[in-house]
Amino acid sequence: MNIKGHSDWRGCWGILWRSLVFVPYMLAVFIGVGSIWLSRWVLPFCAAFSVYSRDWLLAAGTFALWLLAVWGYRRFHLSRFYESPPSLL
C-alpha cells in the first residue's frame, strides 16, 4: 500500500483546518486595524469628491467617518504598530 499518499492527505487536512480556524481571526484584525489606517487616507479623498460633486449628505457622512477613524487611531495609539523596528546595528 502507498503510505505516502495517506501522509499527504493528513498534511492537506492540517492546513485546511488551520485555515478555517485562523482566517476569520486574521480578517477581524485586518478590519479592525487595517481599515482604520486605510480610512485615514481614503476617506478625505472620498469626502472631497462628494463635496466637489455637491452631494452634501454623503460628504457629511464620509467626513464623520473620517473623524471617527482619526479619533480611533489617536485614542488607541495605533501609530506604534506602523513604526519601523529599532536598528540592531
Protein backbone atom coordinates (compact mmCIF):
# COMPACT_ATOMS: atom_id res chain seq x y z
CA MET A 1 0.00 0.00 0.00
CA ASN A 2 1.03 3.58 -0.59
CA ILE A 3 1.56 5.11 2.86
CA LYS A 4 2.99 8.36 1.45
CA GLY A 5 -0.37 9.26 -0.15
CA HIS A 6 -2.08 8.90 3.19
CA SER A 7 0.52 11.17 4.76
CA ASP A 8 -0.06 13.82 2.08
CA TRP A 9 -3.79 13.92 2.85
CA ARG A 10 -3.06 14.37 6.54
CA GLY A 11 -0.86 17.38 5.74
CA CYS A 12 -3.51 18.91 3.49
CA TRP A 13 -6.17 18.40 6.16
CA GLY A 14 -3.90 20.07 8.74
CA ILE A 15 -3.50 23.13 6.53
CA LEU A 16 -7.23 23.24 5.76
CA TRP A 17 -8.49 23.17 9.33
CA ARG A 18 -5.93 25.74 10.44
CA SER A 19 -7.05 27.99 7.61
CA LEU A 20 -10.69 27.59 8.61
CA VAL A 21 -9.87 28.47 12.20
CA PHE A 22 -7.37 31.31 11.80
CA VAL A 23 -8.51 33.13 8.63
CA PRO A 24 -11.55 34.68 10.37
CA TYR A 25 -9.27 35.98 13.12
CA MET A 26 -6.88 37.48 10.59
CA LEU A 27 -9.82 39.06 8.77
CA ALA A 28 -11.08 40.62 12.00
CA VAL A 29 -7.64 42.05 12.76
CA PHE A 30 -7.39 43.49 9.24
CA ILE A 31 -10.83 45.05 9.51
CA GLY A 32 -10.09 46.45 12.96
CA VAL A 33 -6.59 47.79 12.42
CA GLY A 34 -6.14 47.95 8.66
CA SER A 35 -9.38 49.71 7.91
CA ILE A 36 -8.65 52.45 10.44
CA TRP A 37 -5.25 53.06 8.85
CA LEU A 38 -6.66 52.91 5.32
CA SER A 39 -9.59 55.16 6.16
CA ARG A 40 -7.23 57.90 7.31
CA TRP A 41 -6.01 58.19 3.72
CA VAL A 42 -9.02 57.22 1.59
CA LEU A 43 -11.95 58.90 3.33
CA PRO A 44 -10.68 62.50 2.93
CA PHE A 45 -10.49 61.98 -0.85
CA CYS A 46 -14.00 60.50 -0.88
CA ALA A 47 -15.30 63.44 1.16
CA ALA A 48 -13.58 65.95 -1.12
CA PHE A 49 -15.03 64.25 -4.19
CA SER A 50 -18.50 64.29 -2.61
CA VAL A 51 -18.19 67.99 -1.83
CA TYR A 52 -16.99 68.63 -5.39
CA SER A 53 -20.00 66.76 -6.80
CA ARG A 54 -22.29 68.63 -4.35
CA ASP A 55 -23.54 65.51 -2.61
CA TRP A 56 -23.66 67.15 0.82
CA LEU A 57 -25.25 64.28 2.76
CA LEU A 58 -22.66 61.75 1.58
CA ALA A 59 -19.86 64.26 2.18
CA ALA A 60 -21.05 64.88 5.76
CA GLY A 61 -21.26 61.14 6.47
CA THR A 62 -17.84 60.48 4.97
CA PHE A 63 -16.33 63.35 6.92
CA ALA A 64 -17.90 61.99 10.14
CA LEU A 65 -16.44 58.53 9.44
CA TRP A 66 -13.06 60.12 8.80
CA LEU A 67 -13.17 61.98 12.12
CA LEU A 68 -14.12 58.73 13.88
CA ALA A 69 -11.19 56.95 12.23
CA VAL A 70 -8.72 59.66 13.22
CA TRP A 71 -10.08 59.66 16.77
CA GLY A 72 -9.75 55.85 16.99
CA TYR A 73 -6.23 56.00 15.55
CA ARG A 74 -5.12 58.51 18.15
CA ARG A 75 -7.14 57.13 21.07
CA PHE A 76 -5.84 53.57 20.75
CA HIS A 77 -2.28 54.67 19.79
CA LEU A 78 -2.29 52.60 16.60
CA SER A 79 0.65 54.51 15.16
CA ARG A 80 3.01 52.31 17.20
CA PHE A 81 2.03 49.34 15.01
CA TYR A 82 3.31 51.13 11.90
CA GLU A 83 6.69 52.24 13.25
CA SER A 84 9.80 50.67 11.84
CA PRO A 85 11.63 48.35 14.24
CA PRO A 86 14.71 49.66 16.01
CA SER A 87 18.01 49.05 14.30
CA LEU A 88 20.24 46.40 15.82
CA LEU A 89 23.40 47.68 14.17
